[in-house]
């Protein structure tokens, strides 16, 4: 099985809320492809879904810095900042998403709440 196939399996498990199976699949992806940013992104999201917000935020920040052009990662980082009440930082990230993709509808919506 390729890393991308294993990623898709992990993603399906994550979407179903089966975080243990998702984590296992994403860990498998990273074992064969350590630089797979999307698998690392999904693991960071799972941390947050399971209540480990500090680890999730730290992982998303690192991924955002490593992949500054990835609007999915940056948007999820911004959403996590927003959820944790770090509104100024979240707004800056939403603006960053829009610099890359001016048509990002969700970032536009949330930027409407920023000063």
N, C-alpha and C. Protein backbone atom coordinates (compact mmCIF):
# COMPACT_ATOMS: atom_id res chain seq x y z
N UNK A 1 0.84 -1.17 0.00
CA UNK A 1 0.00 0.00 0.00
C UNK A 1 0.89 1.24 0.00
N UNK A 2 0.53 2.21 -0.81
CA UNK A 2 1.32 3.45 -0.87
C UNK A 2 0.98 4.34 0.33
N UNK A 3 1.85 5.31 0.56
CA UNK A 3 1.60 6.26 1.64
C UNK A 3 0.31 7.03 1.40
N UNK A 4 0.05 7.39 0.15
CA UNK A 4 -1.17 8.14 -0.16
C UNK A 4 -2.42 7.29 0.05
N UNK A 5 -2.35 6.01 -0.28
CA UNK A 5 -3.48 5.12 -0.03
C UNK A 5 -3.73 4.97 1.47
N UNK A 6 -2.65 4.82 2.22
CA UNK A 6 -2.77 4.70 3.67
C UNK A 6 -3.30 6.01 4.26
N UNK A 7 -2.88 7.13 3.70
CA UNK A 7 -3.40 8.43 4.14
C UNK A 7 -4.92 8.49 3.96
N UNK A 8 -5.39 8.06 2.81
CA UNK A 8 -6.83 8.10 2.53
C UNK A 8 -7.61 7.23 3.52
N UNK A 9 -7.05 6.09 3.90
CA UNK A 9 -7.68 5.24 4.90
C UNK A 9 -7.74 5.97 6.25
N UNK A 10 -6.62 6.58 6.63
CA UNK A 10 -6.59 7.34 7.87
C UNK A 10 -7.57 8.49 7.86
N UNK A 11 -7.65 9.16 6.73
CA UNK A 11 -8.57 10.30 6.60
C UNK A 11 -10.02 9.84 6.77
N UNK A 12 -10.36 8.71 6.16
CA UNK A 12 -11.72 8.17 6.30
C UNK A 12 -12.02 7.85 7.76
N UNK A 13 -11.06 7.23 8.45
CA UNK A 13 -11.26 6.93 9.87
C UNK A 13 -11.42 8.21 10.68
N UNK A 14 -10.62 9.22 10.37
CA UNK A 14 -10.72 10.48 11.10
C UNK A 14 -12.08 11.12 10.91
N UNK A 15 -12.56 11.11 9.68
CA UNK A 15 -13.88 11.70 9.39
C UNK A 15 -15.00 10.96 10.10
N UNK A 16 -14.80 9.67 10.34
CA UNK A 16 -15.80 8.85 11.05
C UNK A 16 -15.66 8.97 12.56
N UNK A 17 -14.64 9.68 13.03
CA UNK A 17 -14.42 9.81 14.46
C UNK A 17 -13.67 8.66 15.08
N UNK A 18 -13.11 7.78 14.26
CA UNK A 18 -12.32 6.64 14.74
C UNK A 18 -10.86 7.08 14.84
N UNK A 19 -10.56 7.86 15.88
CA UNK A 19 -9.27 8.51 15.98
C UNK A 19 -8.12 7.54 16.20
N UNK A 20 -8.34 6.47 16.94
CA UNK A 20 -7.25 5.50 17.17
C UNK A 20 -6.84 4.85 15.86
N UNK A 21 -7.82 4.44 15.05
CA UNK A 21 -7.51 3.83 13.75
C UNK A 21 -6.89 4.86 12.81
N UNK A 22 -7.38 6.08 12.86
CA UNK A 22 -6.82 7.14 12.02
C UNK A 22 -5.37 7.38 12.39
N UNK A 23 -5.11 7.49 13.69
CA UNK A 23 -3.74 7.74 14.16
C UNK A 23 -2.81 6.61 13.70
N UNK A 24 -3.29 5.39 13.82
CA UNK A 24 -2.49 4.23 13.39
C UNK A 24 -2.14 4.34 11.90
N UNK A 25 -3.12 4.70 11.09
CA UNK A 25 -2.87 4.83 9.65
C UNK A 25 -1.91 5.98 9.36
N UNK A 26 -2.10 7.12 10.01
CA UNK A 26 -1.21 8.26 9.77
C UNK A 26 0.20 7.99 10.27
N UNK A 27 0.32 7.28 11.38
CA UNK A 27 1.65 6.89 11.86
C UNK A 27 2.34 5.98 10.85
N UNK A 28 1.55 5.11 10.20
CA UNK A 28 2.10 4.25 9.16
C UNK A 28 2.58 5.06 7.96
N UNK A 29 1.82 6.08 7.61
CA UNK A 29 2.23 6.97 6.51
C UNK A 29 3.57 7.60 6.85
N UNK A 30 3.69 8.11 8.08
CA UNK A 30 4.92 8.80 8.47
C UNK A 30 6.10 7.85 8.62
N UNK A 31 5.83 6.58 8.91
CA UNK A 31 6.91 5.60 8.99
C UNK A 31 7.55 5.41 7.62
N UNK A 32 6.73 5.43 6.57
CA UNK A 32 7.27 5.23 5.23
C UNK A 32 7.59 6.54 4.52
N UNK A 33 6.98 7.63 4.97
CA UNK A 33 7.17 8.93 4.33
C UNK A 33 7.17 10.02 5.40
N UNK A 34 8.30 10.18 6.13
CA UNK A 34 8.35 11.08 7.28
C UNK A 34 7.98 12.54 6.98
N UNK A 35 8.14 12.97 5.77
CA UNK A 35 7.84 14.36 5.43
C UNK A 35 6.42 14.60 4.95
N UNK A 36 5.56 13.62 5.08
CA UNK A 36 4.17 13.72 4.59
C UNK A 36 3.40 14.74 5.43
N UNK A 37 3.34 15.98 4.94
CA UNK A 37 2.74 17.08 5.71
C UNK A 37 1.26 16.85 6.00
N UNK A 38 0.55 16.26 5.06
CA UNK A 38 -0.89 16.07 5.27
C UNK A 38 -1.16 15.08 6.40
N UNK A 39 -0.34 14.03 6.53
CA UNK A 39 -0.52 13.08 7.63
C UNK A 39 -0.23 13.77 8.96
N UNK A 40 0.81 14.58 9.00
CA UNK A 40 1.14 15.33 10.22
C UNK A 40 0.02 16.32 10.56
N UNK A 41 -0.57 16.92 9.55
CA UNK A 41 -1.69 17.84 9.73
C UNK A 41 -2.88 17.12 10.36
N UNK A 42 -3.21 15.95 9.82
CA UNK A 42 -4.34 15.20 10.36
C UNK A 42 -4.09 14.78 11.81
N UNK A 43 -2.86 14.38 12.12
CA UNK A 43 -2.53 14.02 13.50
C UNK A 43 -2.68 15.23 14.43
N UNK A 44 -2.30 16.40 13.94
CA UNK A 44 -2.45 17.62 14.74
C UNK A 44 -3.93 17.91 15.00
N UNK A 45 -4.76 17.70 13.99
CA UNK A 45 -6.20 17.91 14.17
C UNK A 45 -6.77 16.93 15.19
N UNK A 46 -6.34 15.68 15.10
CA UNK A 46 -6.83 14.66 16.03
C UNK A 46 -6.48 15.05 17.47
N UNK A 47 -5.29 15.58 17.68
CA UNK A 47 -4.92 16.03 19.03
C UNK A 47 -5.96 17.00 19.57
N UNK A 48 -6.36 17.93 18.74
CA UNK A 48 -7.37 18.91 19.16
C UNK A 48 -8.72 18.27 19.38
N UNK A 49 -9.12 17.37 18.50
CA UNK A 49 -10.41 16.70 18.64
C UNK A 49 -10.48 15.91 19.94
N UNK A 50 -9.32 15.43 20.39
CA UNK A 50 -9.28 14.65 21.62
C UNK A 50 -9.00 15.51 22.86
N UNK A 51 -8.92 16.83 22.67
CA UNK A 51 -8.79 17.73 23.80
C UNK A 51 -7.38 18.18 24.15
N UNK A 52 -6.38 17.74 23.39
CA UNK A 52 -5.01 18.17 23.65
C UNK A 52 -4.72 19.41 22.81
N UNK A 53 -5.31 20.52 23.23
CA UNK A 53 -5.27 21.74 22.44
C UNK A 53 -3.88 22.35 22.34
N UNK A 54 -3.11 22.28 23.40
CA UNK A 54 -1.77 22.85 23.36
C UNK A 54 -0.90 22.13 22.34
N UNK A 55 -0.95 20.80 22.34
CA UNK A 55 -0.15 20.03 21.38
C UNK A 55 -0.65 20.25 19.97
N UNK A 56 -1.96 20.31 19.81
CA UNK A 56 -2.54 20.55 18.50
C UNK A 56 -2.09 21.90 17.96
N UNK A 57 -2.19 22.92 18.79
CA UNK A 57 -1.79 24.26 18.37
C UNK A 57 -0.31 24.32 18.00
N UNK A 58 0.54 23.70 18.82
CA UNK A 58 1.98 23.70 18.55
C UNK A 58 2.28 22.98 17.24
N UNK A 59 1.63 21.85 17.01
CA UNK A 59 1.87 21.09 15.78
C UNK A 59 1.37 21.86 14.56
N UNK A 60 0.19 22.46 14.67
CA UNK A 60 -0.34 23.23 13.55
C UNK A 60 0.52 24.46 13.25
N UNK A 61 1.04 25.09 14.29
CA UNK A 61 1.93 26.24 14.08
C UNK A 61 3.17 25.81 13.32
N UNK A 62 3.77 24.71 13.76
CA UNK A 62 4.97 24.21 13.10
C UNK A 62 4.69 23.86 11.64
N UNK A 63 3.58 23.18 11.39
CA UNK A 63 3.22 22.82 10.02
C UNK A 63 2.95 24.06 9.17
N UNK A 64 2.30 25.04 9.76
CA UNK A 64 2.01 26.28 9.05
C UNK A 64 3.30 27.00 8.65
N UNK A 65 4.27 26.97 9.55
CA UNK A 65 5.57 27.59 9.25
C UNK A 65 6.34 26.80 8.20
N UNK A 66 6.21 25.47 8.22
CA UNK A 66 6.91 24.63 7.26
C UNK A 66 6.25 24.65 5.88
N UNK A 67 4.94 24.87 5.86
CA UNK A 67 4.18 24.87 4.60
C UNK A 67 3.34 26.15 4.52
N UNK A 68 3.99 27.31 4.42
CA UNK A 68 3.25 28.58 4.49
C UNK A 68 2.26 28.79 3.35
N UNK A 69 2.42 28.08 2.26
CA UNK A 69 1.50 28.22 1.14
C UNK A 69 0.32 27.28 1.18
N UNK A 70 0.25 26.43 2.19
CA UNK A 70 -0.84 25.46 2.30
C UNK A 70 -2.00 26.10 3.06
N UNK A 71 -3.03 26.50 2.33
CA UNK A 71 -4.13 27.21 2.96
C UNK A 71 -4.97 26.32 3.87
N UNK A 72 -5.02 25.03 3.62
CA UNK A 72 -5.77 24.13 4.51
C UNK A 72 -5.14 24.10 5.89
N UNK A 73 -3.84 23.92 5.92
CA UNK A 73 -3.13 23.89 7.21
C UNK A 73 -3.24 25.24 7.90
N UNK A 74 -3.00 26.30 7.17
CA UNK A 74 -3.05 27.65 7.78
C UNK A 74 -4.45 27.99 8.28
N UNK A 75 -5.47 27.58 7.53
CA UNK A 75 -6.84 27.84 7.96
C UNK A 75 -7.14 27.08 9.26
N UNK A 76 -6.74 25.81 9.33
CA UNK A 76 -6.99 25.04 10.55
C UNK A 76 -6.19 25.59 11.73
N UNK A 77 -4.99 26.09 11.47
CA UNK A 77 -4.22 26.75 12.52
C UNK A 77 -4.97 27.99 13.00
N UNK A 78 -5.48 28.79 12.06
CA UNK A 78 -6.24 29.99 12.42
C UNK A 78 -7.50 29.62 13.21
N UNK A 79 -8.18 28.57 12.79
CA UNK A 79 -9.39 28.15 13.50
C UNK A 79 -9.08 27.72 14.93
N UNK A 80 -7.96 27.03 15.10
CA UNK A 80 -7.57 26.59 16.44
C UNK A 80 -7.21 27.79 17.30
N UNK A 81 -6.47 28.73 16.75
CA UNK A 81 -6.18 29.97 17.48
C UNK A 81 -7.48 30.66 17.90
N UNK A 82 -8.41 30.75 16.97
CA UNK A 82 -9.69 31.40 17.22
C UNK A 82 -10.45 30.68 18.34
N UNK A 83 -10.50 29.37 18.26
CA UNK A 83 -11.21 28.57 19.25
C UNK A 83 -10.62 28.75 20.65
N UNK A 84 -9.31 28.96 20.71
CA UNK A 84 -8.64 29.13 21.99
C UNK A 84 -8.63 30.58 22.48
N UNK A 85 -9.31 31.45 21.74
CA UNK A 85 -9.44 32.84 22.17
C UNK A 85 -8.26 33.73 21.81
N UNK A 86 -7.40 33.24 20.94
CA UNK A 86 -6.24 34.03 20.48
C UNK A 86 -6.64 34.76 19.20
N UNK A 87 -7.54 35.71 19.36
CA UNK A 87 -8.22 36.32 18.23
C UNK A 87 -7.31 37.13 17.32
N UNK A 88 -6.39 37.90 17.87
CA UNK A 88 -5.50 38.70 17.03
C UNK A 88 -4.64 37.81 16.14
N UNK A 89 -4.10 36.75 16.74
CA UNK A 89 -3.28 35.81 15.97
C UNK A 89 -4.12 35.09 14.92
N UNK A 90 -5.34 34.71 15.30
CA UNK A 90 -6.23 34.03 14.35
C UNK A 90 -6.54 34.94 13.17
N UNK A 91 -6.85 36.19 13.44
CA UNK A 91 -7.17 37.13 12.36
C UNK A 91 -5.99 37.32 11.42
N UNK A 92 -4.79 37.38 11.98
CA UNK A 92 -3.59 37.50 11.14
C UNK A 92 -3.45 36.28 10.23
N UNK A 93 -3.75 35.11 10.76
CA UNK A 93 -3.66 33.89 9.93
C UNK A 93 -4.76 33.86 8.87
N UNK A 94 -5.98 34.28 9.22
CA UNK A 94 -7.04 34.35 8.20
C UNK A 94 -6.63 35.29 7.08
N UNK A 95 -6.00 36.41 7.44
CA UNK A 95 -5.51 37.34 6.41
C UNK A 95 -4.43 36.68 5.55
N UNK A 96 -3.57 35.90 6.20
CA UNK A 96 -2.53 35.18 5.46
C UNK A 96 -3.11 34.18 4.48
N UNK A 97 -4.16 33.50 4.89
CA UNK A 97 -4.85 32.56 3.99
C UNK A 97 -5.38 33.32 2.78
N UNK A 98 -5.97 34.47 3.02
CA UNK A 98 -6.56 35.24 1.92
C UNK A 98 -5.52 35.85 1.00
N UNK A 99 -4.32 36.10 1.49
CA UNK A 99 -3.25 36.57 0.61
C UNK A 99 -2.88 35.49 -0.40
N UNK A 100 -2.95 34.24 0.04
CA UNK A 100 -2.62 33.11 -0.84
C UNK A 100 -3.80 32.77 -1.74
N UNK A 101 -4.99 32.74 -1.15
CA UNK A 101 -6.20 32.40 -1.90
C UNK A 101 -7.28 33.42 -1.58
N UNK A 102 -7.37 34.48 -2.37
CA UNK A 102 -8.35 35.54 -2.11
C UNK A 102 -9.81 35.06 -2.17
N UNK A 103 -10.03 33.87 -2.71
CA UNK A 103 -11.39 33.34 -2.83
C UNK A 103 -11.74 32.36 -1.72
N UNK A 104 -10.91 32.24 -0.69
CA UNK A 104 -11.17 31.30 0.40
C UNK A 104 -12.39 31.79 1.19
N UNK A 105 -13.53 31.18 0.93
CA UNK A 105 -14.80 31.66 1.46
C UNK A 105 -14.86 31.64 2.99
N UNK A 106 -14.41 30.56 3.60
CA UNK A 106 -14.49 30.45 5.06
C UNK A 106 -13.59 31.47 5.75
N UNK A 107 -12.41 31.71 5.19
CA UNK A 107 -11.53 32.72 5.77
C UNK A 107 -12.17 34.10 5.68
N UNK A 108 -12.84 34.38 4.55
CA UNK A 108 -13.55 35.66 4.40
C UNK A 108 -14.63 35.80 5.48
N UNK A 109 -15.39 34.73 5.68
CA UNK A 109 -16.47 34.77 6.68
C UNK A 109 -15.92 35.07 8.07
N UNK A 110 -14.87 34.38 8.45
CA UNK A 110 -14.33 34.55 9.79
C UNK A 110 -13.58 35.86 9.95
N UNK A 111 -13.00 36.35 8.88
CA UNK A 111 -12.32 37.64 8.94
C UNK A 111 -13.33 38.76 9.23
N UNK A 112 -14.58 38.52 8.89
CA UNK A 112 -15.63 39.49 9.19
C UNK A 112 -15.80 39.76 10.68
N UNK A 113 -15.32 38.85 11.52
CA UNK A 113 -15.38 39.02 12.97
C UNK A 113 -14.14 39.71 13.53
N UNK A 114 -13.17 39.95 12.67
CA UNK A 114 -11.92 40.57 13.11
C UNK A 114 -12.03 42.08 13.05
N UNK A 115 -11.21 42.74 13.86
CA UNK A 115 -11.18 44.21 13.86
C UNK A 115 -10.39 44.73 12.69
